[in-house]
Amino acid sequence: MDPFVAALTIFVLAVFVGFEVITKVPPTLHTPLMSGSNAISGITLVGALLAAGAKETTLTTILGVVAVVFATINVVGGFLVTHRMLRMFRRKD
């Protein structure tokens, strides 16, 4: 089997499974799950940095930089959502 076809198959299955899992989560659990997925996004950010810094081809460097940007947005957004959630549970003075 061609490695590209195998990678594309895994990607399509991951997108499908991810969509199905996310749509089945009730809205009250989205924010707590966001803080947990923030750690996974941090791992993704490390992988994206490795891909961007490898400099094997121009395409891999560009895709690595794009992955770094998206992973950073995801991590920062996750922290902002978690911080906002924790502010909701503070005592009112």
N, C-alpha and C. Protein backbone atom coordinates (compact mmCIF):
# COMPACT_ATOMS: atom_id res chain seq x y z
N MET A 1 0.85 -1.18 0.00
CA MET A 1 0.00 0.00 0.00
C MET A 1 0.90 1.24 0.00
N ASP A 2 0.49 2.23 -0.76
CA ASP A 2 1.21 3.49 -0.84
C ASP A 2 1.17 4.21 0.52
N PRO A 3 2.30 4.71 1.01
CA PRO A 3 2.31 5.40 2.31
C PRO A 3 1.38 6.62 2.36
N PHE A 4 1.25 7.31 1.23
CA PHE A 4 0.35 8.46 1.19
C PHE A 4 -1.09 8.03 1.39
N VAL A 5 -1.49 6.94 0.76
CA VAL A 5 -2.87 6.45 0.90
C VAL A 5 -3.12 6.00 2.34
N ALA A 6 -2.13 5.36 2.94
CA ALA A 6 -2.28 4.93 4.35
C ALA A 6 -2.40 6.14 5.27
N ALA A 7 -1.57 7.15 5.07
CA ALA A 7 -1.62 8.36 5.90
C ALA A 7 -2.94 9.10 5.69
N LEU A 8 -3.40 9.17 4.45
CA LEU A 8 -4.67 9.84 4.15
C LEU A 8 -5.83 9.09 4.79
N THR A 9 -5.79 7.76 4.76
CA THR A 9 -6.84 6.96 5.39
C THR A 9 -6.89 7.20 6.89
N ILE A 10 -5.73 7.23 7.53
CA ILE A 10 -5.68 7.49 8.97
C ILE A 10 -6.20 8.88 9.28
N PHE A 11 -5.82 9.86 8.47
CA PHE A 11 -6.29 11.24 8.68
C PHE A 11 -7.80 11.34 8.56
N VAL A 12 -8.37 10.74 7.53
CA VAL A 12 -9.82 10.79 7.32
C VAL A 12 -10.55 10.09 8.48
N LEU A 13 -10.05 8.95 8.91
CA LEU A 13 -10.67 8.26 10.04
C LEU A 13 -10.56 9.08 11.32
N ALA A 14 -9.42 9.74 11.54
CA ALA A 14 -9.25 10.58 12.73
C ALA A 14 -10.21 11.77 12.71
N VAL A 15 -10.40 12.36 11.55
CA VAL A 15 -11.35 13.48 11.44
C VAL A 15 -12.76 12.99 11.75
N PHE A 16 -13.14 11.86 11.19
CA PHE A 16 -14.48 11.31 11.42
C PHE A 16 -14.70 10.97 12.89
N VAL A 17 -13.75 10.26 13.50
CA VAL A 17 -13.89 9.87 14.90
C VAL A 17 -13.90 11.11 15.80
N GLY A 18 -13.02 12.08 15.53
CA GLY A 18 -12.99 13.31 16.31
C GLY A 18 -14.30 14.07 16.23
N PHE A 19 -14.88 14.16 15.04
CA PHE A 19 -16.16 14.85 14.87
C PHE A 19 -17.27 14.13 15.63
N GLU A 20 -17.29 12.82 15.54
CA GLU A 20 -18.32 12.05 16.24
C GLU A 20 -18.18 12.18 17.75
N VAL A 21 -16.97 12.16 18.26
CA VAL A 21 -16.77 12.27 19.70
C VAL A 21 -17.17 13.65 20.20
N ILE A 22 -16.76 14.69 19.50
CA ILE A 22 -17.04 16.06 19.94
C ILE A 22 -18.52 16.37 19.88
N THR A 23 -19.21 15.89 18.87
CA THR A 23 -20.64 16.20 18.77
C THR A 23 -21.47 15.45 19.81
N LYS A 24 -20.92 14.39 20.40
CA LYS A 24 -21.66 13.63 21.41
C LYS A 24 -21.44 14.16 22.83
N VAL A 25 -20.52 15.11 23.02
CA VAL A 25 -20.24 15.65 24.35
C VAL A 25 -21.28 16.72 24.69
N PRO A 26 -21.91 16.64 25.86
CA PRO A 26 -22.88 17.67 26.23
C PRO A 26 -22.18 19.02 26.44
N PRO A 27 -22.89 20.12 26.20
CA PRO A 27 -22.28 21.45 26.31
C PRO A 27 -21.68 21.75 27.69
N THR A 28 -22.23 21.16 28.75
CA THR A 28 -21.70 21.45 30.08
C THR A 28 -20.32 20.86 30.30
N LEU A 29 -19.92 19.90 29.47
CA LEU A 29 -18.60 19.29 29.63
C LEU A 29 -17.55 19.87 28.69
N HIS A 30 -17.93 20.75 27.78
CA HIS A 30 -16.97 21.27 26.82
C HIS A 30 -15.83 22.03 27.48
N THR A 31 -16.15 22.89 28.44
CA THR A 31 -15.10 23.71 29.07
C THR A 31 -14.13 22.87 29.90
N PRO A 32 -14.59 21.95 30.75
CA PRO A 32 -13.61 21.12 31.46
C PRO A 32 -12.76 20.27 30.52
N LEU A 33 -13.34 19.80 29.44
CA LEU A 33 -12.56 19.01 28.49
C LEU A 33 -11.54 19.87 27.76
N MET A 34 -11.83 21.17 27.65
CA MET A 34 -10.90 22.07 26.98
C MET A 34 -9.58 22.14 27.74
N SER A 35 -9.64 22.17 29.06
CA SER A 35 -8.40 22.24 29.82
C SER A 35 -7.60 20.95 29.68
N GLY A 36 -8.28 19.83 29.56
CA GLY A 36 -7.57 18.56 29.35
C GLY A 36 -6.96 18.47 27.97
N SER A 37 -7.68 18.96 26.99
CA SER A 37 -7.14 18.92 25.63
C SER A 37 -6.03 19.94 25.42
N ASN A 38 -5.93 20.89 26.34
CA ASN A 38 -4.86 21.88 26.24
C ASN A 38 -3.50 21.21 26.38
N ALA A 39 -3.40 20.20 27.22
CA ALA A 39 -2.14 19.48 27.36
C ALA A 39 -1.78 18.75 26.07
N ILE A 40 -2.78 18.19 25.42
CA ILE A 40 -2.54 17.50 24.15
C ILE A 40 -2.09 18.50 23.09
N SER A 41 -2.66 19.71 23.12
CA SER A 41 -2.25 20.73 22.17
C SER A 41 -0.81 21.16 22.42
N GLY A 42 -0.39 21.13 23.67
CA GLY A 42 1.00 21.43 23.97
C GLY A 42 1.94 20.42 23.35
N ILE A 43 1.56 19.16 23.38
CA ILE A 43 2.36 18.11 22.73
C ILE A 43 2.37 18.32 21.22
N THR A 44 1.23 18.72 20.67
CA THR A 44 1.15 19.02 19.24
C THR A 44 2.08 20.17 18.88
N LEU A 45 2.14 21.17 19.76
CA LEU A 45 3.01 22.31 19.52
C LEU A 45 4.48 21.88 19.48
N VAL A 46 4.87 20.99 20.36
CA VAL A 46 6.26 20.49 20.35
C VAL A 46 6.54 19.75 19.04
N GLY A 47 5.61 18.92 18.61
CA GLY A 47 5.78 18.21 17.35
C GLY A 47 5.84 19.15 16.16
N ALA A 48 5.02 20.20 16.19
CA ALA A 48 5.04 21.18 15.10
C ALA A 48 6.36 21.93 15.07
N LEU A 49 6.91 22.25 16.24
CA LEU A 49 8.22 22.91 16.29
C LEU A 49 9.31 22.01 15.72
N LEU A 50 9.23 20.73 16.03
CA LEU A 50 10.21 19.79 15.47
C LEU A 50 10.08 19.69 13.95
N ALA A 51 8.84 19.68 13.47
CA ALA A 51 8.62 19.59 12.02
C ALA A 51 9.10 20.86 11.32
N ALA A 52 8.86 22.01 11.94
CA ALA A 52 9.27 23.27 11.31
C ALA A 52 10.79 23.43 11.34
N GLY A 53 11.42 22.92 12.39
CA GLY A 53 12.86 23.08 12.52
C GLY A 53 13.68 22.04 11.78
N ALA A 54 13.06 20.99 11.27
CA ALA A 54 13.80 19.93 10.58
C ALA A 54 14.39 20.42 9.26
N LYS A 55 13.70 21.32 8.58
CA LYS A 55 14.16 21.91 7.31
C LYS A 55 14.55 20.86 6.27
N GLU A 56 13.71 19.85 6.13
CA GLU A 56 14.00 18.83 5.11
C GLU A 56 13.67 19.35 3.71
N THR A 57 12.46 19.89 3.56
CA THR A 57 12.09 20.54 2.30
C THR A 57 11.37 21.83 2.64
N THR A 58 11.18 22.65 1.63
CA THR A 58 10.46 23.91 1.84
C THR A 58 9.02 23.65 2.25
N LEU A 59 8.40 22.64 1.65
CA LEU A 59 7.00 22.32 1.97
C LEU A 59 6.85 21.89 3.42
N THR A 60 7.75 21.05 3.91
CA THR A 60 7.64 20.60 5.30
C THR A 60 7.89 21.75 6.27
N THR A 61 8.77 22.66 5.91
CA THR A 61 9.01 23.82 6.76
C THR A 61 7.78 24.72 6.81
N ILE A 62 7.16 24.96 5.66
CA ILE A 62 5.95 25.79 5.62
C ILE A 62 4.82 25.13 6.40
N LEU A 63 4.61 23.84 6.18
CA LEU A 63 3.56 23.14 6.91
C LEU A 63 3.86 23.10 8.41
N GLY A 64 5.12 22.99 8.78
CA GLY A 64 5.50 23.03 10.19
C GLY A 64 5.20 24.37 10.82
N VAL A 65 5.49 25.45 10.10
CA VAL A 65 5.20 26.79 10.62
C VAL A 65 3.69 26.99 10.76
N VAL A 66 2.93 26.54 9.77
CA VAL A 66 1.47 26.63 9.86
C VAL A 66 0.96 25.84 11.06
N ALA A 67 1.52 24.64 11.27
CA ALA A 67 1.13 23.83 12.42
C ALA A 67 1.48 24.51 13.73
N VAL A 68 2.62 25.19 13.78
CA VAL A 68 3.01 25.93 14.98
C VAL A 68 2.00 27.04 15.27
N VAL A 69 1.60 27.76 14.23
CA VAL A 69 0.64 28.86 14.41
C VAL A 69 -0.69 28.31 14.92
N PHE A 70 -1.21 27.27 14.29
CA PHE A 70 -2.50 26.73 14.71
C PHE A 70 -2.44 26.10 16.11
N ALA A 71 -1.38 25.40 16.41
CA ALA A 71 -1.25 24.80 17.74
C ALA A 71 -1.13 25.88 18.81
N THR A 72 -0.42 26.97 18.51
CA THR A 72 -0.29 28.07 19.46
C THR A 72 -1.64 28.72 19.71
N ILE A 73 -2.39 28.95 18.65
CA ILE A 73 -3.74 29.52 18.81
C ILE A 73 -4.59 28.60 19.68
N ASN A 74 -4.49 27.31 19.47
CA ASN A 74 -5.28 26.34 20.24
C ASN A 74 -4.88 26.34 21.71
N VAL A 75 -3.58 26.40 21.99
CA VAL A 75 -3.12 26.40 23.38
C VAL A 75 -3.54 27.67 24.09
N VAL A 76 -3.33 28.82 23.45
CA VAL A 76 -3.69 30.10 24.07
C VAL A 76 -5.20 30.17 24.28
N GLY A 77 -5.97 29.76 23.29
CA GLY A 77 -7.42 29.75 23.43
C GLY A 77 -7.88 28.84 24.55
N GLY A 78 -7.24 27.70 24.68
CA GLY A 78 -7.59 26.77 25.76
C GLY A 78 -7.32 27.37 27.13
N PHE A 79 -6.18 28.06 27.26
CA PHE A 79 -5.90 28.71 28.54
C PHE A 79 -6.88 29.83 28.83
N LEU A 80 -7.26 30.59 27.81
CA LEU A 80 -8.22 31.68 28.02
C LEU A 80 -9.58 31.14 28.45
N VAL A 81 -10.02 30.07 27.81
CA VAL A 81 -11.31 29.48 28.17
C VAL A 81 -11.26 28.90 29.58
N THR A 82 -10.17 28.23 29.91
CA THR A 82 -10.03 27.66 31.25
C THR A 82 -9.99 28.76 32.31
N HIS A 83 -9.26 29.83 32.02
CA HIS A 83 -9.19 30.95 32.96
C HIS A 83 -10.57 31.58 33.17
N ARG A 84 -11.31 31.73 32.09
CA ARG A 84 -12.66 32.30 32.21
C ARG A 84 -13.58 31.37 33.01
N MET A 85 -13.45 30.07 32.79
CA MET A 85 -14.26 29.11 33.53
C MET A 85 -13.95 29.19 35.02
N LEU A 86 -12.67 29.27 35.38
CA LEU A 86 -12.30 29.33 36.78
C LEU A 86 -12.75 30.64 37.42
N ARG A 87 -12.78 31.72 36.66
CA ARG A 87 -13.29 33.00 37.19
C ARG A 87 -14.76 32.91 37.55
N MET A 88 -15.52 32.08 36.86
CA MET A 88 -16.95 31.95 37.14
C MET A 88 -17.19 31.32 38.50
N PHE A 89 -16.22 30.55 39.01
CA PHE A 89 -16.41 29.85 40.27
C PHE A 89 -15.81 30.57 41.47
N ARG A 90 -15.27 31.77 41.26
CA ARG A 90 -14.73 32.55 42.37
C ARG A 90 -15.87 33.14 43.19
N ARG A 91 -15.57 33.37 44.46
CA ARG A 91 -16.56 33.98 45.33
C ARG A 91 -16.70 35.46 44.98
N LYS A 92 -17.89 35.93 45.04
CA LYS A 92 -18.15 37.36 44.79
C LYS A 92 -17.84 38.13 46.07
N ASP A 93 -17.12 39.22 45.94
CA ASP A 93 -16.80 40.04 47.11
C ASP A 93 -17.89 41.05 47.41
